[in-house]
């Protein structure tokens, strides 16, 4: 004779798995943020150094060098060198917000 084993009825098992996955990801949000910063071609860049020519009270910026997730980027923007910019590494253009 076959032994009876009751089957568990779990209609929301997928919801439990989903919530556990979200909890795991939220627990490791800093590592995910760093990984996205390194992998993504679009990201924040910090001004490292710049050169300019002084014309009276006006500064004409020649070169701005930024440090980002994939190294240094040199840009010739002309008018100003913001301290923090969001740059698309594929085109080298600043993203306007």
PDB file of N, CA and C in Angstrom:
ATOM      1  N   UNK A   1       0.834  -1.168   0.000  1.00  0.00           N
ATOM      2  CA  UNK A   1       0.000   0.000   0.000  1.00  0.00           C
ATOM      3  C   UNK A   1       0.891   1.248   0.000  1.00  0.00           C
ATOM      4  N   UNK A   2       0.418   2.257  -0.699  1.00  0.00           N
ATOM      5  CA  UNK A   2       1.169   3.491  -0.834  1.00  0.00           C
ATOM      6  C   UNK A   2       0.862   4.417   0.343  1.00  0.00           C
ATOM      7  N   UNK A   3       1.938   5.026   0.887  1.00  0.00           N
ATOM      8  CA  UNK A   3       1.767   5.946   2.012  1.00  0.00           C
ATOM      9  C   UNK A   3       1.261   7.296   1.506  1.00  0.00           C
ATOM     10  N   UNK A   4       0.377   7.868   2.269  1.00  0.00           N
ATOM     11  CA  UNK A   4      -0.206   9.150   1.886  1.00  0.00           C
ATOM     12  C   UNK A   4       0.697  10.293   2.328  1.00  0.00           C
ATOM     13  N   UNK A   5       1.039  11.174   1.396  1.00  0.00           N
ATOM     14  CA  UNK A   5       1.800  12.392   1.695  1.00  0.00           C
ATOM     15  C   UNK A   5       0.958  13.583   1.242  1.00  0.00           C
ATOM     16  N   UNK A   6       0.555  14.419   2.170  1.00  0.00           N
ATOM     17  CA  UNK A   6      -0.257  15.574   1.758  1.00  0.00           C
ATOM     18  C   UNK A   6       0.584  16.573   0.951  1.00  0.00           C
ATOM     19  N   UNK A   7      -0.018  17.120  -0.084  1.00  0.00           N
ATOM     20  CA  UNK A   7       0.670  18.128  -0.883  1.00  0.00           C
ATOM     21  C   UNK A   7       0.401  19.499  -0.281  1.00  0.00           C
ATOM     22  N   UNK A   8       1.467  20.289  -0.246  1.00  0.00           N
ATOM     23  CA  UNK A   8       1.314  21.642   0.280  1.00  0.00           C
ATOM     24  C   UNK A   8       0.705  22.523  -0.798  1.00  0.00           C
ATOM     25  N   UNK A   9      -0.268  23.272  -0.388  1.00  0.00           N
ATOM     26  CA  UNK A   9      -0.907  24.207  -1.294  1.00  0.00           C
ATOM     27  C   UNK A   9      -0.301  25.585  -1.035  1.00  0.00           C
ATOM     28  N   UNK A  10       0.523  26.079  -1.978  1.00  0.00           N
ATOM     29  CA  UNK A  10       1.217  27.353  -1.817  1.00  0.00           C
ATOM     30  C   UNK A  10       0.901  28.269  -2.998  1.00  0.00           C
ATOM     31  N   UNK A  11      -0.187  28.992  -2.922  1.00  0.00           N
ATOM     32  CA  UNK A  11      -0.532  29.857  -4.057  1.00  0.00           C
ATOM     33  C   UNK A  11       0.383  31.077  -4.191  1.00  0.00           C
ATOM     34  N   UNK A  12       1.033  31.502  -3.121  1.00  0.00           N
ATOM     35  CA  UNK A  12       1.875  32.703  -3.162  1.00  0.00           C
ATOM     36  C   UNK A  12       3.355  32.393  -2.978  1.00  0.00           C
ATOM     37  N   UNK A  13       3.786  31.225  -3.422  1.00  0.00           N
ATOM     38  CA  UNK A  13       5.205  30.861  -3.306  1.00  0.00           C
ATOM     39  C   UNK A  13       6.073  31.780  -4.155  1.00  0.00           C
ATOM     40  N   UNK A  14       5.597  32.156  -5.327  1.00  0.00           N
ATOM     41  CA  UNK A  14       6.361  33.052  -6.198  1.00  0.00           C
ATOM     42  C   UNK A  14       6.536  34.426  -5.562  1.00  0.00           C
ATOM     43  N   UNK A  15       5.530  34.874  -4.799  1.00  0.00           N
ATOM     44  CA  UNK A  15       5.620  36.157  -4.118  1.00  0.00           C
ATOM     45  C   UNK A  15       6.684  36.121  -3.030  1.00  0.00           C
ATOM     46  N   UNK A  16       6.773  35.011  -2.339  1.00  0.00           N
ATOM     47  CA  UNK A  16       7.797  34.841  -1.314  1.00  0.00           C
ATOM     48  C   UNK A  16       9.194  34.900  -1.923  1.00  0.00           C
ATOM     49  N   UNK A  17       9.386  34.239  -3.046  1.00  0.00           N
ATOM     50  CA  UNK A  17      10.686  34.260  -3.725  1.00  0.00           C
ATOM     51  C   UNK A  17      11.011  35.672  -4.197  1.00  0.00           C
ATOM     52  N   UNK A  18      10.032  36.363  -4.740  1.00  0.00           N
ATOM     53  CA  UNK A  18      10.235  37.729  -5.217  1.00  0.00           C
ATOM     54  C   UNK A  18      10.626  38.672  -4.078  1.00  0.00           C
ATOM     55  N   UNK A  19       9.932  38.578  -2.956  1.00  0.00           N
ATOM     56  CA  UNK A  19      10.237  39.443  -1.819  1.00  0.00           C
ATOM     57  C   UNK A  19      11.611  39.144  -1.228  1.00  0.00           C
ATOM     58  N   UNK A  20      11.993  37.885  -1.181  1.00  0.00           N
ATOM     59  CA  UNK A  20      13.332  37.548  -0.687  1.00  0.00           C
ATOM     60  C   UNK A  20      14.416  38.073  -1.617  1.00  0.00           C
ATOM     61  N   UNK A  21      14.175  38.018  -2.918  1.00  0.00           N
ATOM     62  CA  UNK A  21      15.142  38.543  -3.887  1.00  0.00           C
ATOM     63  C   UNK A  21      15.287  40.050  -3.746  1.00  0.00           C
ATOM     64  N   UNK A  22      14.173  40.750  -3.610  1.00  0.00           N
ATOM     65  CA  UNK A  22      14.219  42.203  -3.437  1.00  0.00           C
ATOM     66  C   UNK A  22      14.930  42.562  -2.138  1.00  0.00           C
ATOM     67  N   UNK A  23      14.683  41.835  -1.075  1.00  0.00           N
ATOM     68  CA  UNK A  23      15.352  42.081   0.198  1.00  0.00           C
ATOM     69  C   UNK A  23      16.851  41.877   0.077  1.00  0.00           C
ATOM     70  N   UNK A  24      17.267  40.846  -0.622  1.00  0.00           N
ATOM     71  CA  UNK A  24      18.694  40.588  -0.823  1.00  0.00           C
ATOM     72  C   UNK A  24      19.346  41.726  -1.602  1.00  0.00           C
ATOM     73  N   UNK A  25      18.671  42.190  -2.658  1.00  0.00           N
ATOM     74  CA  UNK A  25      19.225  43.278  -3.460  1.00  0.00           C
ATOM     75  C   UNK A  25      19.298  44.581  -2.674  1.00  0.00           C
ATOM     76  N   UNK A  26      18.293  44.852  -1.858  1.00  0.00           N
ATOM     77  CA  UNK A  26      18.316  46.068  -1.049  1.00  0.00           C
ATOM     78  C   UNK A  26      19.400  46.018   0.026  1.00  0.00           C
ATOM     79  N   UNK A  27      19.697  44.832   0.508  1.00  0.00           N
ATOM     80  CA  UNK A  27      20.751  44.684   1.500  1.00  0.00           C
ATOM     81  C   UNK A  27      22.124  44.993   0.918  1.00  0.00           C
ATOM     82  N   UNK A  28      22.286  44.758  -0.380  1.00  0.00           N
ATOM     83  CA  UNK A  28      23.574  44.964  -1.044  1.00  0.00           C
ATOM     84  C   UNK A  28      23.512  46.122  -2.045  1.00  0.00           C
ATOM     85  N   UNK A  29      22.765  47.171  -1.726  1.00  0.00           N
ATOM     86  CA  UNK A  29      22.561  48.281  -2.651  1.00  0.00           C
ATOM     87  C   UNK A  29      23.851  49.027  -2.946  1.00  0.00           C
ATOM     88  N   UNK A  30      24.756  49.134  -1.990  1.00  0.00           N
ATOM     89  CA  UNK A  30      25.996  49.876  -2.220  1.00  0.00           C
ATOM     90  C   UNK A  30      26.880  49.161  -3.242  1.00  0.00           C
ATOM     91  N   UNK A  31      26.988  47.850  -3.137  1.00  0.00           N
ATOM     92  CA  UNK A  31      27.774  47.097  -4.115  1.00  0.00           C
ATOM     93  C   UNK A  31      27.153  47.178  -5.507  1.00  0.00           C
ATOM     94  N   UNK A  32      25.825  47.131  -5.577  1.00  0.00           N
ATOM     95  CA  UNK A  32      25.155  47.264  -6.870  1.00  0.00           C
ATOM     96  C   UNK A  32      25.369  48.652  -7.468  1.00  0.00           C
ATOM     97  N   UNK A  33      25.362  49.676  -6.621  1.00  0.00           N
ATOM     98  CA  UNK A  33      25.593  51.037  -7.100  1.00  0.00           C
ATOM     99  C   UNK A  33      27.003  51.196  -7.649  1.00  0.00           C
ATOM    100  N   UNK A  34      27.995  50.649  -6.962  1.00  0.00           N
ATOM    101  CA  UNK A  34      29.378  50.717  -7.434  1.00  0.00           C
ATOM    102  C   UNK A  34      29.537  49.939  -8.737  1.00  0.00           C
ATOM    103  N   UNK A  35      28.924  48.775  -8.828  1.00  0.00           N
ATOM    104  CA  UNK A  35      29.012  47.981 -10.058  1.00  0.00           C
ATOM    105  C   UNK A  35      28.374  48.718 -11.233  1.00  0.00           C
ATOM    106  N   UNK A  36      27.236  49.348 -11.026  1.00  0.00           N
ATOM    107  CA  UNK A  36      26.590  50.103 -12.102  1.00  0.00           C
ATOM    108  C   UNK A  36      27.425  51.311 -12.505  1.00  0.00           C
ATOM    109  N   UNK A  37      28.095  51.929 -11.543  1.00  0.00           N
ATOM    110  CA  UNK A  37      28.935  53.096 -11.830  1.00  0.00           C
ATOM    111  C   UNK A  37      30.117  52.699 -12.705  1.00  0.00           C
ATOM    112  N   UNK A  38      30.679  51.526 -12.462  1.00  0.00           N
ATOM    113  CA  UNK A  38      31.830  51.067 -13.244  1.00  0.00           C
ATOM    114  C   UNK A  38      31.391  50.557 -14.615  1.00  0.00           C
ATOM    115  N   UNK A  39      30.276  49.858 -14.689  1.00  0.00           N
ATOM    116  CA  UNK A  39      29.829  49.242 -15.936  1.00  0.00           C
ATOM    117  C   UNK A  39      29.203  50.258 -16.891  1.00  0.00           C
ATOM    118  N   UNK A  40      28.428  51.173 -16.373  1.00  0.00           N
ATOM    119  CA  UNK A  40      27.667  52.089 -17.224  1.00  0.00           C
ATOM    120  C   UNK A  40      28.568  53.083 -17.952  1.00  0.00           C
ATOM    121  N   UNK A  41      28.309  53.327 -19.243  1.00  0.00           N
ATOM    122  CA  UNK A  41      29.099  54.328 -19.970  1.00  0.00           C
ATOM    123  C   UNK A  41      28.677  55.757 -19.647  1.00  0.00           C
ATOM    124  N   UNK A  42      27.538  55.934 -19.013  1.00  0.00           N
ATOM    125  CA  UNK A  42      27.069  57.266 -18.626  1.00  0.00           C
ATOM    126  C   UNK A  42      27.152  57.365 -17.112  1.00  0.00           C
ATOM    127  N   UNK A  43      27.858  58.392 -16.620  1.00  0.00           N
ATOM    128  CA  UNK A  43      27.978  58.517 -15.184  1.00  0.00           C
ATOM    129  C   UNK A  43      28.608  59.824 -14.763  1.00  0.00           C
ATOM    130  N   UNK A  44      28.649  60.059 -13.454  1.00  0.00           N
ATOM    131  CA  UNK A  44      29.216  61.305 -12.943  1.00  0.00           C
ATOM    132  C   UNK A  44      30.739  61.317 -13.065  1.00  0.00           C
ATOM    133  N   UNK A  45      31.282  62.489 -13.341  1.00  0.00           N
ATOM    134  CA  UNK A  45      32.720  62.686 -13.445  1.00  0.00           C
ATOM    135  C   UNK A  45      33.100  63.905 -12.618  1.00  0.00           C
ATOM    136  N   UNK A  46      34.246  63.837 -11.964  1.00  0.00           N
ATOM    137  CA  UNK A  46      34.729  64.887 -11.075  1.00  0.00           C
ATOM    138  C   UNK A  46      35.884  65.624 -11.733  1.00  0.00           C
ATOM    139  N   UNK A  47      35.868  66.953 -11.664  1.00  0.00           N
ATOM    140  CA  UNK A  47      36.918  67.779 -12.244  1.00  0.00           C
ATOM    141  C   UNK A  47      38.219  67.560 -11.481  1.00  0.00           C
ATOM    142  N   UNK A  48      39.299  67.197 -12.204  1.00  0.00           N
ATOM    143  CA  UNK A  48      40.600  66.952 -11.581  1.00  0.00           C
ATOM    144  C   UNK A  48      41.490  68.176 -11.749  1.00  0.00           C
ATOM    145  N   UNK A  49      41.664  68.645 -12.976  1.00  0.00           N
ATOM    146  CA  UNK A  49      42.416  69.870 -13.221  1.00  0.00           C
ATOM    147  C   UNK A  49      41.960  70.517 -14.513  1.00  0.00           C
ATOM    148  N   UNK A  50      42.356  71.794 -14.662  1.00  0.00           N
ATOM    149  CA  UNK A  50      41.956  72.544 -15.851  1.00  0.00           C
ATOM    150  C   UNK A  50      43.010  73.597 -16.160  1.00  0.00           C
ATOM    151  N   UNK A  51      43.022  74.081 -17.393  1.00  0.00           N
ATOM    152  CA  UNK A  51      43.894  75.181 -17.801  1.00  0.00           C
ATOM    153  C   UNK A  51      43.021  76.270 -18.410  1.00  0.00           C
ATOM    154  N   UNK A  52      43.472  77.509 -18.255  1.00  0.00           N
ATOM    155  CA  UNK A  52      42.703  78.630 -18.792  1.00  0.00           C
ATOM    156  C   UNK A  52      43.635  79.778 -19.151  1.00  0.00           C
ATOM    157  N   UNK A  53      43.108  80.710 -19.952  1.00  0.00           N
ATOM    158  CA  UNK A  53      43.790  81.963 -20.265  1.00  0.00           C
ATOM    159  C   UNK A  53      42.950  83.083 -19.679  1.00  0.00           C
ATOM    160  N   UNK A  54      43.626  84.027 -19.052  1.00  0.00           N
ATOM    161  CA  UNK A  54      42.937  85.147 -18.420  1.00  0.00           C
ATOM    162  C   UNK A  54      42.915  86.338 -19.380  1.00  0.00           C
ATOM    163  N   UNK A  55      41.720  86.843 -19.659  1.00  0.00           N
ATOM    164  CA  UNK A  55      41.547  88.045 -20.476  1.00  0.00           C
ATOM    165  C   UNK A  55      40.846  89.089 -19.611  1.00  0.00           C
ATOM    166  N   UNK A  56      41.607  89.845 -18.861  1.00  0.00           N
ATOM    167  CA  UNK A  56      41.012  90.812 -17.936  1.00  0.00           C
ATOM    168  C   UNK A  56      40.297  90.075 -16.817  1.00  0.00           C
ATOM    169  N   UNK A  57      38.975  90.207 -16.770  1.00  0.00           N
ATOM    170  CA  UNK A  57      38.196  89.499 -15.747  1.00  0.00           C
ATOM    171  C   UNK A  57      37.560  88.222 -16.295  1.00  0.00           C
ATOM    172  N   UNK A  58      37.817  87.917 -17.557  1.00  0.00           N
ATOM    173  CA  UNK A  58      37.196  86.756 -18.200  1.00  0.00           C
ATOM    174  C   UNK A  58      38.197  85.617 -18.311  1.00  0.00           C
ATOM    175  N   UNK A  59      37.787  84.417 -17.939  1.00  0.00           N
ATOM    176  CA  UNK A  59      38.619  83.218 -18.075  1.00  0.00           C
ATOM    177  C   UNK A  59      38.130  82.392 -19.252  1.00  0.00           C
ATOM    178  N   UNK A  60      39.043  82.067 -20.146  1.00  0.00           N
ATOM    179  CA  UNK A  60      38.730  81.191 -21.272  1.00  0.00           C
ATOM    180  C   UNK A  60      39.352  79.829 -20.971  1.00  0.00           C
ATOM    181  N   UNK A  61      38.519  78.851 -20.632  1.00  0.00           N
ATOM    182  CA  UNK A  61      39.018  77.530 -20.255  1.00  0.00           C
ATOM    183  C   UNK A  61      39.450  76.768 -21.502  1.00  0.00           C
ATOM    184  N   UNK A  62      40.703  76.286 -21.490  1.00  0.00           N
ATOM    185  CA  UNK A  62      41.229  75.533 -22.625  1.00  0.00           C
ATOM    186  C   UNK A  62      40.890  74.054 -22.511  1.00  0.00           C
ATOM    187  N   UNK A  63      41.299  73.442 -21.426  1.00  0.00           N
ATOM    188  CA  UNK A  63      41.099  72.001 -21.232  1.00  0.00           C
ATOM    189  C   UNK A  63      40.557  71.739 -19.837  1.00  0.00           C
ATOM    190  N   UNK A  64      39.631  70.803 -19.747  1.00  0.00           N
ATOM    191  CA  UNK A  64      39.106  70.336 -18.468  1.00  0.00           C
ATOM    192  C   UNK A  64      39.318  68.822 -18.430  1.00  0.00           C
ATOM    193  N   UNK A  65      39.929  68.328 -17.371  1.00  0.00           N
ATOM    194  CA  UNK A  65      40.175  66.889 -17.238  1.00  0.00           C
ATOM    195  C   UNK A  65      39.306  66.369 -16.099  1.00  0.00           C
ATOM    196  N   UNK A  66      38.498  65.348 -16.419  1.00  0.00           N
ATOM    197  CA  UNK A  66      37.559  64.771 -15.463  1.00  0.00           C
ATOM    198  C   UNK A  66      37.932  63.325 -15.159  1.00  0.00           C
ATOM    199  N   UNK A  67      37.691  62.920 -13.912  1.00  0.00           N
ATOM    200  CA  UNK A  67      37.908  61.541 -13.482  1.00  0.00           C
ATOM    201  C   UNK A  67      36.548  60.882 -13.308  1.00  0.00           C
ATOM    202  N   UNK A  68      36.370  59.745 -13.993  1.00  0.00           N
ATOM    203  CA  UNK A  68      35.107  59.015 -13.915  1.00  0.00           C
ATOM    204  C   UNK A  68      35.346  57.552 -13.604  1.00  0.00           C
ATOM    205  N   UNK A  69      34.329  56.753 -13.818  1.00  0.00           N
ATOM    206  CA  UNK A  69      34.394  55.327 -13.519  1.00  0.00           C
ATOM    207  C   UNK A  69      35.369  54.560 -14.387  1.00  0.00           C
ATOM    208  N   UNK A  70      35.677  55.062 -15.570  1.00  0.00           N
ATOM    209  CA  UNK A  70      36.589  54.355 -16.474  1.00  0.00           C
ATOM    210  C   UNK A  70      37.853  55.150 -16.764  1.00  0.00           C
ATOM    211  N   UNK A  71      38.208  56.075 -15.907  1.00  0.00           N
ATOM    212  CA  UNK A  71      39.459  56.805 -16.076  1.00  0.00           C
ATOM    213  C   UNK A  71      39.257  58.280 -16.355  1.00  0.00           C
ATOM    214  N   UNK A  72      40.313  58.893 -16.913  1.00  0.00           N
ATOM    215  CA  UNK A  72      40.315  60.324 -17.166  1.00  0.00           C
ATOM    216  C   UNK A  72      39.748  60.646 -18.544  1.00  0.00           C
ATOM    217  N   UNK A  73      39.019  61.757 -18.613  1.00  0.00           N
ATOM    218  CA  UNK A  73      38.476  62.261 -19.871  1.00  0.00           C
ATOM    219  C   UNK A  73      38.898  63.718 -19.996  1.00  0.00           C
ATOM    220  N   UNK A  74      39.459  64.072 -21.139  1.00  0.00           N
ATOM    221  CA  UNK A  74      39.830  65.461 -21.386  1.00  0.00           C
ATOM    222  C   UNK A  74      38.798  66.074 -22.318  1.00  0.00           C
ATOM    223  N   UNK A  75      38.277  67.237 -21.910  1.00  0.00           N
ATOM    224  CA  UNK A  75      37.262  67.921 -22.708  1.00  0.00           C
ATOM    225  C   UNK A  75      37.653  69.370 -22.913  1.00  0.00           C
ATOM    226  N   UNK A  76      37.329  69.904 -24.050  1.00  0.00           N
ATOM    227  CA  UNK A  76      37.522  71.314 -24.354  1.00  0.00           C
ATOM    228  C   UNK A  76      36.142  71.932 -24.494  1.00  0.00           C
ATOM    229  N   UNK A  77      35.638  72.478 -23.380  1.00  0.00           N
ATOM    230  CA  UNK A  77      34.271  72.984 -23.379  1.00  0.00           C
ATOM    231  C   UNK A  77      34.183  74.466 -23.682  1.00  0.00           C
ATOM    232  N   UNK A  78      35.241  75.216 -23.465  1.00  0.00           N
ATOM    233  CA  UNK A  78      35.247  76.624 -23.837  1.00  0.00           C
ATOM    234  C   UNK A  78      34.889  77.575 -22.721  1.00  0.00           C
ATOM    235  N   UNK A  79      33.642  77.596 -22.271  1.00  0.00           N
ATOM    236  CA  UNK A  79      33.224  78.632 -21.337  1.00  0.00           C
ATOM    237  C   UNK A  79      33.485  78.313 -19.873  1.00  0.00           C
ATOM    238  N   UNK A  80      33.179  77.130 -19.448  1.00  0.00           N
ATOM    239  CA  UNK A  80      33.331  76.807 -18.030  1.00  0.00           C
ATOM    240  C   UNK A  80      33.692  75.345 -17.842  1.00  0.00           C
ATOM    241  N   UNK A  81      34.157  75.036 -16.630  1.00  0.00           N
ATOM    242  CA  UNK A  81      34.479  73.656 -16.242  1.00  0.00           C
ATOM    243  C   UNK A  81      33.725  73.353 -14.950  1.00  0.00           C
ATOM    244  N   UNK A  82      32.519  72.776 -15.024  1.00  0.00           N
ATOM    245  CA  UNK A  82      31.796  72.441 -13.796  1.00  0.00           C
ATOM    246  C   UNK A  82      32.563  71.401 -12.979  1.00  0.00           C
ATOM    247  N   UNK A  83      32.392  71.438 -11.674  1.00  0.00           N
ATOM    248  CA  UNK A  83      33.111  70.516 -10.788  1.00  0.00           C
ATOM    249  C   UNK A  83      32.629  69.088 -10.989  1.00  0.00           C
ATOM    250  N   UNK A  84      31.319  68.888 -11.069  1.00  0.00           N
ATOM    251  CA  UNK A  84      30.756  67.549 -11.288  1.00  0.00           C
ATOM    252  C   UNK A  84      29.849  67.612 -12.515  1.00  0.00           C
ATOM    253  N   UNK A  85      30.092  66.723 -13.468  1.00  0.00           N
ATOM    254  CA  UNK A  85      29.257  66.643 -14.666  1.00  0.00           C
ATOM    255  C   UNK A  85      28.911  65.185 -14.936  1.00  0.00           C
ATOM    256  N   UNK A  86      27.845  64.976 -15.686  1.00  0.00           N
ATOM    257  CA  UNK A  86      27.479  63.631 -16.126  1.00  0.00           C
ATOM    258  C   UNK A  86      27.858  63.543 -17.597  1.00  0.00           C
ATOM    259  N   UNK A  87      28.782  62.626 -17.913  1.00  0.00           N
ATOM    260  CA  UNK A  87      29.334  62.517 -19.255  1.00  0.00           C
ATOM    261  C   UNK A  87      29.023  61.137 -19.822  1.00  0.00           C
ATOM    262  N   UNK A  88      28.639  61.120 -21.095  1.00  0.00           N
ATOM    263  CA  UNK A  88      28.457  59.870 -21.831  1.00  0.00           C
ATOM    264  C   UNK A  88      29.806  59.496 -22.439  1.00  0.00           C
ATOM    265  N   UNK A  89      30.397  58.384 -21.991  1.00  0.00           N
ATOM    266  CA  UNK A  89      31.731  57.990 -22.447  1.00  0.00           C
ATOM    267  C   UNK A  89      31.756  57.612 -23.923  1.00  0.00           C
ATOM    268  N   UNK A  90      30.641  57.172 -24.466  1.00  0.00           N
ATOM    269  CA  UNK A  90      30.617  56.759 -25.870  1.00  0.00           C
ATOM    270  C   UNK A  90      30.806  57.948 -26.801  1.00  0.00           C
ATOM    271  N   UNK A  91      30.205  59.085 -26.463  1.00  0.00           N
ATOM    272  CA  UNK A  91      30.299  60.266 -27.319  1.00  0.00           C
ATOM    273  C   UNK A  91      31.192  61.347 -26.739  1.00  0.00           C
ATOM    274  N   UNK A  92      31.454  61.308 -25.442  1.00  0.00           N
ATOM    275  CA  UNK A  92      32.254  62.342 -24.793  1.00  0.00           C
ATOM    276  C   UNK A  92      31.479  63.613 -24.511  1.00  0.00           C
ATOM    277  N   UNK A  93      30.170  63.583 -24.692  1.00  0.00           N
ATOM    278  CA  UNK A  93      29.338  64.766 -24.498  1.00  0.00           C
ATOM    279  C   UNK A  93      28.743  64.785 -23.099  1.00  0.00           C
ATOM    280  N   UNK A  94      28.545  65.999 -22.599  1.00  0.00           N
ATOM    281  CA  UNK A  94      27.925  66.189 -21.303  1.00  0.00           C
ATOM    282  C   UNK A  94      26.420  65.998 -21.433  1.00  0.00           C
ATOM    283  N   UNK A  95      25.823  65.311 -20.456  1.00  0.00           N
ATOM    284  CA  UNK A  95      24.381  65.089 -20.436  1.00  0.00           C
ATOM    285  C   UNK A  95      23.729  66.269 -19.726  1.00  0.00           C
ATOM    286  N   UNK A  96      22.773  66.905 -20.379  1.00  0.00           N
ATOM    287  CA  UNK A  96      22.065  68.037 -19.784  1.00  0.00           C
ATOM    288  C   UNK A  96      20.888  67.514 -18.970  1.00  0.00           C
ATOM    289  N   UNK A  97      20.776  67.975 -17.743  1.00  0.00           N
ATOM    290  CA  UNK A  97      19.666  67.557 -16.885  1.00  0.00           C
ATOM    291  C   UNK A  97      18.572  68.585 -16.865  1.00  0.00           C
TER     292      UNK A  97
END
